[in-house]
Amino acid sequence: MPKAHFLLPDGSSRTIEIEEGWSLMEGARQAGIPGVVAECGGGLLCATCHVHVAEAWSERVGSAEGTEEMLLELAPGHDETSRLSCQIVVTEELDGLTVRVPEEQADA
């Protein structure tokens, strides 16, 4: 099972395993990763599952487009590494993915 590393706002980190084919957000919610609020449950409606993808992974993960890109404008502290974790589908190619959870999420 692929692993993902979450760097948390308090300076700690958590590594979790996520079922292949699940979204990064689904894995984070199941594992209780703090800061991944996911108010809309992955419906691409709220921007409360915002994460920053580590630079080494940005090309593999790809960039936000369309609705995701518009929603990210609502996310506090969004930048060129920002993605909504509900839009990142976990595959074996993403085993070891590292993301940083922001200190604050958008208001739902």
N, C-alpha and C. Protein backbone atom coordinates (compact mmCIF):
# COMPACT_ATOMS: atom_id res chain seq x y z
N MET A 1 0.84 -1.17 0.00
CA MET A 1 0.00 0.00 0.00
C MET A 1 0.89 1.24 0.00
N PRO A 2 0.56 2.24 -0.83
CA PRO A 2 1.36 3.46 -0.87
C PRO A 2 1.31 4.21 0.46
N LYS A 3 2.41 4.89 0.76
CA LYS A 3 2.50 5.70 1.97
C LYS A 3 2.53 7.17 1.59
N ALA A 4 2.01 7.99 2.49
CA ALA A 4 2.07 9.44 2.33
C ALA A 4 2.55 10.03 3.64
N HIS A 5 3.36 11.07 3.52
CA HIS A 5 3.91 11.76 4.68
C HIS A 5 3.24 13.14 4.80
N PHE A 6 2.69 13.41 5.96
CA PHE A 6 2.04 14.68 6.24
C PHE A 6 2.87 15.45 7.24
N LEU A 7 3.33 16.63 6.84
CA LEU A 7 4.06 17.54 7.72
C LEU A 7 3.02 18.47 8.33
N LEU A 8 2.90 18.44 9.64
CA LEU A 8 1.83 19.15 10.33
C LEU A 8 2.27 20.52 10.83
N PRO A 9 1.32 21.43 11.03
CA PRO A 9 1.66 22.80 11.44
C PRO A 9 2.44 22.89 12.75
N ASP A 10 2.29 21.91 13.63
CA ASP A 10 3.01 21.96 14.91
C ASP A 10 4.46 21.46 14.80
N GLY A 11 4.89 21.13 13.58
CA GLY A 11 6.26 20.68 13.36
C GLY A 11 6.41 19.17 13.38
N SER A 12 5.36 18.46 13.76
CA SER A 12 5.42 16.99 13.75
C SER A 12 5.07 16.47 12.36
N SER A 13 5.22 15.18 12.19
CA SER A 13 4.84 14.56 10.91
C SER A 13 4.16 13.23 11.19
N ARG A 14 3.36 12.81 10.24
CA ARG A 14 2.68 11.51 10.32
C ARG A 14 2.81 10.84 8.97
N THR A 15 3.11 9.56 9.00
CA THR A 15 3.16 8.75 7.79
C THR A 15 2.03 7.75 7.87
N ILE A 16 1.25 7.67 6.80
CA ILE A 16 0.12 6.75 6.77
C ILE A 16 0.15 5.94 5.47
N GLU A 17 -0.51 4.80 5.50
CA GLU A 17 -0.72 4.02 4.29
C GLU A 17 -2.12 4.33 3.77
N ILE A 18 -2.23 4.42 2.45
CA ILE A 18 -3.50 4.75 1.81
C ILE A 18 -3.77 3.73 0.71
N GLU A 19 -4.99 3.25 0.68
CA GLU A 19 -5.40 2.32 -0.38
C GLU A 19 -5.18 2.95 -1.74
N GLU A 20 -4.59 2.21 -2.65
CA GLU A 20 -4.43 2.69 -4.01
C GLU A 20 -5.82 2.95 -4.60
N GLY A 21 -5.96 4.09 -5.27
CA GLY A 21 -7.23 4.48 -5.85
C GLY A 21 -8.04 5.42 -4.97
N TRP A 22 -7.69 5.51 -3.69
CA TRP A 22 -8.34 6.48 -2.80
C TRP A 22 -7.73 7.85 -3.03
N SER A 23 -8.44 8.87 -2.63
CA SER A 23 -7.85 10.21 -2.66
C SER A 23 -6.97 10.38 -1.43
N LEU A 24 -6.03 11.29 -1.53
CA LEU A 24 -5.18 11.62 -0.39
C LEU A 24 -6.05 12.08 0.78
N MET A 25 -7.11 12.82 0.50
CA MET A 25 -8.03 13.29 1.53
C MET A 25 -8.71 12.13 2.24
N GLU A 26 -9.17 11.12 1.50
CA GLU A 26 -9.82 9.97 2.13
C GLU A 26 -8.88 9.27 3.11
N GLY A 27 -7.65 9.09 2.70
CA GLY A 27 -6.66 8.46 3.57
C GLY A 27 -6.40 9.31 4.80
N ALA A 28 -6.28 10.62 4.61
CA ALA A 28 -6.02 11.53 5.73
C ALA A 28 -7.17 11.52 6.72
N ARG A 29 -8.38 11.54 6.22
CA ARG A 29 -9.55 11.52 7.13
C ARG A 29 -9.62 10.21 7.90
N GLN A 30 -9.41 9.11 7.21
CA GLN A 30 -9.48 7.82 7.89
C GLN A 30 -8.42 7.71 8.98
N ALA A 31 -7.26 8.29 8.72
CA ALA A 31 -6.15 8.21 9.68
C ALA A 31 -6.21 9.32 10.74
N GLY A 32 -7.16 10.22 10.62
CA GLY A 32 -7.28 11.29 11.60
C GLY A 32 -6.19 12.34 11.52
N ILE A 33 -5.73 12.64 10.31
CA ILE A 33 -4.70 13.68 10.15
C ILE A 33 -5.31 15.03 10.50
N PRO A 34 -4.77 15.70 11.52
CA PRO A 34 -5.32 17.00 11.90
C PRO A 34 -5.09 18.04 10.81
N GLY A 35 -6.08 18.92 10.64
CA GLY A 35 -5.95 20.00 9.67
C GLY A 35 -6.53 19.69 8.31
N VAL A 36 -6.78 18.42 8.00
CA VAL A 36 -7.45 18.08 6.75
C VAL A 36 -8.94 17.95 7.09
N VAL A 37 -9.64 19.07 7.00
CA VAL A 37 -11.02 19.17 7.47
C VAL A 37 -11.98 18.47 6.51
N ALA A 38 -11.87 18.76 5.23
CA ALA A 38 -12.68 18.11 4.19
C ALA A 38 -14.18 18.22 4.46
N GLU A 39 -14.65 19.43 4.66
CA GLU A 39 -16.06 19.68 4.96
C GLU A 39 -17.01 19.09 3.93
N CYS A 40 -16.65 19.14 2.65
CA CYS A 40 -17.57 18.66 1.62
C CYS A 40 -17.38 17.18 1.31
N GLY A 41 -16.46 16.53 2.01
CA GLY A 41 -16.27 15.10 1.82
C GLY A 41 -15.65 14.71 0.50
N GLY A 42 -15.00 15.63 -0.15
CA GLY A 42 -14.33 15.33 -1.41
C GLY A 42 -15.14 15.70 -2.64
N GLY A 43 -16.17 16.53 -2.45
CA GLY A 43 -17.03 16.91 -3.57
C GLY A 43 -16.53 18.09 -4.39
N LEU A 44 -15.30 18.54 -4.14
CA LEU A 44 -14.71 19.67 -4.86
C LEU A 44 -15.59 20.92 -4.73
N LEU A 45 -15.97 21.20 -3.45
CA LEU A 45 -16.85 22.33 -3.19
C LEU A 45 -16.33 23.32 -2.16
N CYS A 46 -15.27 22.97 -1.39
CA CYS A 46 -15.00 23.81 -0.23
C CYS A 46 -13.55 24.24 0.01
N ALA A 47 -12.57 23.60 -0.46
CA ALA A 47 -11.15 23.95 -0.26
C ALA A 47 -10.67 23.76 1.17
N THR A 48 -11.34 22.90 1.98
CA THR A 48 -10.90 22.67 3.36
C THR A 48 -10.01 21.43 3.49
N CYS A 49 -9.54 20.92 2.37
CA CYS A 49 -8.59 19.80 2.39
C CYS A 49 -7.28 20.22 1.71
N HIS A 50 -7.03 21.51 1.71
CA HIS A 50 -5.86 22.12 1.09
C HIS A 50 -4.57 21.57 1.69
N VAL A 51 -3.62 21.23 0.85
CA VAL A 51 -2.27 20.84 1.27
C VAL A 51 -1.27 21.48 0.31
N HIS A 52 -0.01 21.53 0.77
CA HIS A 52 1.09 21.98 -0.08
C HIS A 52 1.92 20.76 -0.44
N VAL A 53 2.07 20.48 -1.71
CA VAL A 53 2.84 19.34 -2.18
C VAL A 53 4.32 19.68 -2.17
N ALA A 54 5.13 18.79 -1.59
CA ALA A 54 6.58 19.01 -1.57
C ALA A 54 7.10 19.15 -3.00
N GLU A 55 8.05 20.04 -3.17
CA GLU A 55 8.58 20.36 -4.50
C GLU A 55 9.02 19.12 -5.28
N ALA A 56 9.63 18.18 -4.59
CA ALA A 56 10.11 16.96 -5.27
C ALA A 56 8.97 16.14 -5.88
N TRP A 57 7.76 16.36 -5.42
CA TRP A 57 6.60 15.59 -5.88
C TRP A 57 5.70 16.38 -6.82
N SER A 58 5.92 17.66 -6.97
CA SER A 58 4.98 18.51 -7.71
C SER A 58 4.75 18.06 -9.15
N GLU A 59 5.79 17.67 -9.83
CA GLU A 59 5.62 17.25 -11.23
C GLU A 59 4.80 15.96 -11.32
N ARG A 60 5.07 15.02 -10.43
CA ARG A 60 4.34 13.74 -10.45
C ARG A 60 2.87 13.93 -10.10
N VAL A 61 2.60 14.81 -9.15
CA VAL A 61 1.22 15.05 -8.72
C VAL A 61 0.48 15.90 -9.75
N GLY A 62 1.17 16.83 -10.36
CA GLY A 62 0.53 17.71 -11.32
C GLY A 62 -0.01 18.96 -10.64
N SER A 63 -0.49 19.88 -11.44
CA SER A 63 -0.99 21.14 -10.88
C SER A 63 -2.51 21.17 -10.92
N ALA A 64 -3.06 22.07 -10.15
CA ALA A 64 -4.50 22.24 -10.09
C ALA A 64 -5.01 22.85 -11.39
N GLU A 65 -6.21 22.47 -11.76
CA GLU A 65 -6.83 23.01 -12.97
C GLU A 65 -8.32 23.25 -12.71
N GLY A 66 -8.92 24.11 -13.50
CA GLY A 66 -10.36 24.31 -13.48
C GLY A 66 -10.91 24.69 -12.12
N THR A 67 -11.93 23.97 -11.69
CA THR A 67 -12.62 24.25 -10.43
C THR A 67 -11.67 24.18 -9.25
N GLU A 68 -10.76 23.21 -9.24
CA GLU A 68 -9.81 23.11 -8.14
C GLU A 68 -8.97 24.38 -8.04
N GLU A 69 -8.50 24.86 -9.16
CA GLU A 69 -7.68 26.07 -9.17
C GLU A 69 -8.47 27.27 -8.62
N MET A 70 -9.75 27.37 -9.00
CA MET A 70 -10.59 28.47 -8.50
C MET A 70 -10.81 28.34 -7.00
N LEU A 71 -11.08 27.13 -6.51
CA LEU A 71 -11.29 26.93 -5.08
C LEU A 71 -10.04 27.23 -4.27
N LEU A 72 -8.89 26.91 -4.81
CA LEU A 72 -7.66 27.17 -4.08
C LEU A 72 -7.44 28.66 -3.81
N GLU A 73 -8.05 29.51 -4.61
CA GLU A 73 -7.94 30.95 -4.36
C GLU A 73 -8.58 31.33 -3.03
N LEU A 74 -9.49 30.48 -2.53
CA LEU A 74 -10.15 30.72 -1.24
C LEU A 74 -9.32 30.20 -0.07
N ALA A 75 -8.33 29.39 -0.35
CA ALA A 75 -7.53 28.74 0.70
C ALA A 75 -6.48 29.71 1.23
N PRO A 76 -6.49 29.95 2.55
CA PRO A 76 -5.46 30.81 3.13
C PRO A 76 -4.06 30.25 2.85
N GLY A 77 -3.16 31.13 2.43
CA GLY A 77 -1.78 30.73 2.21
C GLY A 77 -1.54 29.88 0.97
N HIS A 78 -2.50 29.89 0.03
CA HIS A 78 -2.29 29.08 -1.18
C HIS A 78 -1.12 29.64 -1.99
N ASP A 79 -0.43 28.73 -2.67
CA ASP A 79 0.69 29.11 -3.52
C ASP A 79 0.80 28.11 -4.66
N GLU A 80 1.90 28.15 -5.38
CA GLU A 80 2.06 27.28 -6.56
C GLU A 80 2.16 25.80 -6.20
N THR A 81 2.39 25.48 -4.93
CA THR A 81 2.46 24.07 -4.51
C THR A 81 1.13 23.56 -3.96
N SER A 82 0.12 24.42 -3.93
CA SER A 82 -1.16 24.07 -3.34
C SER A 82 -1.97 23.11 -4.21
N ARG A 83 -2.59 22.17 -3.54
CA ARG A 83 -3.55 21.25 -4.17
C ARG A 83 -4.63 20.94 -3.15
N LEU A 84 -5.78 20.52 -3.63
CA LEU A 84 -6.82 19.99 -2.76
C LEU A 84 -6.57 18.50 -2.68
N SER A 85 -6.44 17.99 -1.47
CA SER A 85 -6.09 16.58 -1.31
C SER A 85 -7.18 15.65 -1.82
N CYS A 86 -8.40 16.15 -1.98
CA CYS A 86 -9.48 15.32 -2.54
C CYS A 86 -9.26 15.06 -4.02
N GLN A 87 -8.40 15.83 -4.65
CA GLN A 87 -8.16 15.70 -6.09
C GLN A 87 -6.87 14.95 -6.43
N ILE A 88 -6.18 14.46 -5.41
CA ILE A 88 -4.95 13.68 -5.63
C ILE A 88 -5.29 12.22 -5.40
N VAL A 89 -5.32 11.45 -6.47
CA VAL A 89 -5.62 10.02 -6.38
C VAL A 89 -4.32 9.28 -6.12
N VAL A 90 -4.31 8.49 -5.07
CA VAL A 90 -3.11 7.78 -4.65
C VAL A 90 -2.88 6.55 -5.54
N THR A 91 -1.66 6.45 -6.06
CA THR A 91 -1.23 5.30 -6.86
C THR A 91 0.13 4.85 -6.34
N GLU A 92 0.59 3.72 -6.80
CA GLU A 92 1.93 3.25 -6.41
C GLU A 92 3.00 4.26 -6.81
N GLU A 93 2.78 4.99 -7.91
CA GLU A 93 3.74 6.00 -8.35
C GLU A 93 3.87 7.15 -7.34
N LEU A 94 2.87 7.31 -6.47
CA LEU A 94 2.92 8.36 -5.46
C LEU A 94 3.34 7.84 -4.09
N ASP A 95 3.84 6.61 -4.04
CA ASP A 95 4.32 6.05 -2.77
C ASP A 95 5.44 6.92 -2.23
N GLY A 96 5.25 7.45 -1.03
CA GLY A 96 6.24 8.33 -0.42
C GLY A 96 5.91 9.80 -0.55
N LEU A 97 4.78 10.13 -1.18
CA LEU A 97 4.36 11.52 -1.36
C LEU A 97 4.44 12.29 -0.03
N THR A 98 4.98 13.49 -0.10
CA THR A 98 5.07 14.35 1.08
C THR A 98 4.29 15.62 0.83
N VAL A 99 3.42 15.95 1.79
CA VAL A 99 2.64 17.18 1.73
C VAL A 99 2.69 17.88 3.07
N ARG A 100 2.51 19.18 3.04
CA ARG A 100 2.45 19.98 4.26
C ARG A 100 1.03 20.46 4.46
N VAL A 101 0.49 20.25 5.65
CA VAL A 101 -0.84 20.71 6.00
C VAL A 101 -0.72 22.15 6.49
N PRO A 102 -1.51 23.06 5.91
CA PRO A 102 -1.40 24.47 6.34
C PRO A 102 -1.96 24.69 7.75
N GLU A 103 -1.55 25.78 8.36
CA GLU A 103 -2.02 26.11 9.70
C GLU A 103 -3.51 26.40 9.72
N GLU A 104 -4.04 26.89 8.61
CA GLU A 104 -5.44 27.30 8.56
C GLU A 104 -6.06 26.82 7.25
N GLN A 105 -7.31 26.38 7.33
CA GLN A 105 -8.05 25.99 6.14
C GLN A 105 -9.09 27.06 5.83
N ALA A 106 -9.65 27.00 4.64
CA ALA A 106 -10.71 27.94 4.25
C ALA A 106 -11.94 27.73 5.12
N ASP A 107 -12.75 28.75 5.25
CA ASP A 107 -14.02 28.62 5.95
C ASP A 107 -14.98 27.90 5.02
N ALA A 108 -15.65 26.90 5.56
CA ALA A 108 -16.59 26.12 4.74
C ALA A 108 -17.92 26.83 4.62
